[in-house]
Amino acid sequence: MMADSGWGPEPVGGGVTLLESLASLGLIALAIVGATVLVAAYPTRTAGATRSARLEWQQRQQQVDSAVAEEQAAEGGHHAPADKRPH
């Protein structure tokens, strides 16, 4: 028998087994899927918040409009309609 001189071919992959390689690929795939789900869910939450804020603003605007109409009716309606343009 010949002694190993260190100059011969070395195993490919550094001794990593197929199972270890598959486990590493599985973890990488899981991380990618998790990140994708988080990124995809983010706009949904912000869209819901925007919709809620818009709804609250519309309800508040209706309250203001009805209060103005009631005030004008109580005064006899002699005032011109309020200018709704922003100043």
C-alpha atoms as a PDB file:
ATOM      1  CA  MET A   1       0.000   0.000   0.000  1.00  0.00           C
ATOM      2  CA  MET A   2       1.066   3.499  -0.739  1.00  0.00           C
ATOM      3  CA  ALA A   3       0.990   6.195   1.838  1.00  0.00           C
ATOM      4  CA  ASP A   4      -1.248   9.199   1.123  1.00  0.00           C
ATOM      5  CA  SER A   5       1.099  11.946   0.033  1.00  0.00           C
ATOM      6  CA  GLY A   6      -1.598  14.654  -0.040  1.00  0.00           C
ATOM      7  CA  TRP A   7      -1.183  15.201  -3.781  1.00  0.00           C
ATOM      8  CA  GLY A   8      -4.053  12.993  -4.920  1.00  0.00           C
ATOM      9  CA  PRO A   9      -7.615  13.970  -5.808  1.00  0.00           C
ATOM     10  CA  GLU A  10      -9.803  15.278  -2.998  1.00  0.00           C
ATOM     11  CA  PRO A  11     -13.494  14.514  -2.500  1.00  0.00           C
ATOM     12  CA  VAL A  12     -15.847  17.010  -4.180  1.00  0.00           C
ATOM     13  CA  GLY A  13     -18.103  18.964  -1.814  1.00  0.00           C
ATOM     14  CA  GLY A  14     -15.806  18.879   1.177  1.00  0.00           C
ATOM     15  CA  GLY A  15     -17.633  15.930   2.745  1.00  0.00           C
ATOM     16  CA  VAL A  16     -21.105  17.598   2.766  1.00  0.00           C
ATOM     17  CA  THR A  17     -23.816  14.994   2.448  1.00  0.00           C
ATOM     18  CA  LEU A  18     -26.786  15.223   0.130  1.00  0.00           C
ATOM     19  CA  LEU A  19     -29.124  15.467   3.114  1.00  0.00           C
ATOM     20  CA  GLU A  20     -27.204  18.455   4.518  1.00  0.00           C
ATOM     21  CA  SER A  21     -27.313  20.169   1.117  1.00  0.00           C
ATOM     22  CA  LEU A  22     -31.062  19.626   0.810  1.00  0.00           C
ATOM     23  CA  ALA A  23     -31.624  20.909   4.357  1.00  0.00           C
ATOM     24  CA  SER A  24     -29.663  24.074   3.552  1.00  0.00           C
ATOM     25  CA  LEU A  25     -31.639  24.628   0.352  1.00  0.00           C
ATOM     26  CA  GLY A  26     -34.881  24.051   2.248  1.00  0.00           C
ATOM     27  CA  LEU A  27     -33.986  26.690   4.843  1.00  0.00           C
ATOM     28  CA  ILE A  28     -33.054  29.188   2.145  1.00  0.00           C
ATOM     29  CA  ALA A  29     -36.334  28.523   0.308  1.00  0.00           C
ATOM     30  CA  LEU A  30     -38.300  28.906   3.546  1.00  0.00           C
ATOM     31  CA  ALA A  31     -36.608  32.242   4.264  1.00  0.00           C
ATOM     32  CA  ILE A  32     -37.426  33.502   0.755  1.00  0.00           C
ATOM     33  CA  VAL A  33     -41.073  32.442   1.031  1.00  0.00           C
ATOM     34  CA  GLY A  34     -41.367  34.039   4.477  1.00  0.00           C
ATOM     35  CA  ALA A  35     -39.906  37.321   3.271  1.00  0.00           C
ATOM     36  CA  THR A  36     -42.220  37.301   0.250  1.00  0.00           C
ATOM     37  CA  VAL A  37     -45.294  36.785   2.439  1.00  0.00           C
ATOM     38  CA  LEU A  38     -44.288  39.620   4.763  1.00  0.00           C
ATOM     39  CA  VAL A  39     -43.671  42.021   1.888  1.00  0.00           C
ATOM     40  CA  ALA A  40     -46.935  41.041   0.184  1.00  0.00           C
ATOM     41  CA  ALA A  41     -48.960  41.523   3.389  1.00  0.00           C
ATOM     42  CA  TYR A  42     -47.583  44.997   4.182  1.00  0.00           C
ATOM     43  CA  PRO A  43     -49.551  46.984   1.545  1.00  0.00           C
ATOM     44  CA  THR A  44     -52.769  45.292   2.687  1.00  0.00           C
ATOM     45  CA  ARG A  45     -52.395  46.727   6.183  1.00  0.00           C
ATOM     46  CA  THR A  46     -51.565  50.212   4.939  1.00  0.00           C
ATOM     47  CA  ALA A  47     -54.423  50.130   2.443  1.00  0.00           C
ATOM     48  CA  GLY A  48     -56.816  49.244   5.263  1.00  0.00           C
ATOM     49  CA  ALA A  49     -55.533  52.118   7.379  1.00  0.00           C
ATOM     50  CA  THR A  50     -55.918  54.547   4.482  1.00  0.00           C
ATOM     51  CA  ARG A  51     -59.452  53.337   3.830  1.00  0.00           C
ATOM     52  CA  SER A  52     -60.325  53.732   7.511  1.00  0.00           C
ATOM     53  CA  ALA A  53     -58.919  57.261   7.675  1.00  0.00           C
ATOM     54  CA  ARG A  54     -60.836  58.242   4.544  1.00  0.00           C
ATOM     55  CA  LEU A  55     -64.058  56.846   6.011  1.00  0.00           C
ATOM     56  CA  GLU A  56     -63.533  58.757   9.262  1.00  0.00           C
ATOM     57  CA  TRP A  57     -62.890  61.968   7.305  1.00  0.00           C
ATOM     58  CA  GLN A  58     -66.068  61.465   5.246  1.00  0.00           C
ATOM     59  CA  GLN A  59     -68.134  60.886   8.380  1.00  0.00           C
ATOM     60  CA  ARG A  60     -66.674  63.988  10.009  1.00  0.00           C
ATOM     61  CA  GLN A  61     -67.364  66.035   6.869  1.00  0.00           C
ATOM     62  CA  GLN A  62     -70.990  64.849   6.886  1.00  0.00           C
ATOM     63  CA  GLN A  63     -71.318  65.936  10.523  1.00  0.00           C
ATOM     64  CA  VAL A  64     -69.921  69.375   9.684  1.00  0.00           C
ATOM     65  CA  ASP A  65     -72.212  69.731   6.652  1.00  0.00           C
ATOM     66  CA  SER A  66     -75.298  68.770   8.648  1.00  0.00           C
ATOM     67  CA  ALA A  67     -74.334  71.136  11.493  1.00  0.00           C
ATOM     68  CA  VAL A  68     -73.936  73.995   9.006  1.00  0.00           C
ATOM     69  CA  ALA A  69     -77.291  73.161   7.401  1.00  0.00           C
ATOM     70  CA  GLU A  70     -79.013  73.072  10.799  1.00  0.00           C
ATOM     71  CA  GLU A  71     -77.464  76.391  11.761  1.00  0.00           C
ATOM     72  CA  GLN A  72     -78.585  77.987   8.513  1.00  0.00           C
ATOM     73  CA  ALA A  73     -82.091  76.588   8.945  1.00  0.00           C
ATOM     74  CA  ALA A  74     -82.251  77.948  12.504  1.00  0.00           C
ATOM     75  CA  GLU A  75     -81.218  81.396  11.277  1.00  0.00           C
ATOM     76  CA  GLY A  76     -83.825  81.366   8.560  1.00  0.00           C
ATOM     77  CA  GLY A  77     -81.543  80.369   5.716  1.00  0.00           C
ATOM     78  CA  HIS A  78     -80.537  83.960   4.887  1.00  0.00           C
ATOM     79  CA  HIS A  79     -76.857  83.146   4.517  1.00  0.00           C
ATOM     80  CA  ALA A  80     -75.172  82.144   1.306  1.00  0.00           C
ATOM     81  CA  PRO A  81     -73.875  78.573   1.159  1.00  0.00           C
ATOM     82  CA  ALA A  82     -70.445  78.132   2.673  1.00  0.00           C
ATOM     83  CA  ASP A  83     -67.512  78.035   0.278  1.00  0.00           C
ATOM     84  CA  LYS A  84     -66.147  74.472   0.435  1.00  0.00           C
ATOM     85  CA  ARG A  85     -62.872  75.303  -1.303  1.00  0.00           C
ATOM     86  CA  PRO A  86     -59.750  75.102   0.861  1.00  0.00           C
ATOM     87  CA  HIS A  87     -58.277  78.472   1.737  1.00  0.00           C
END
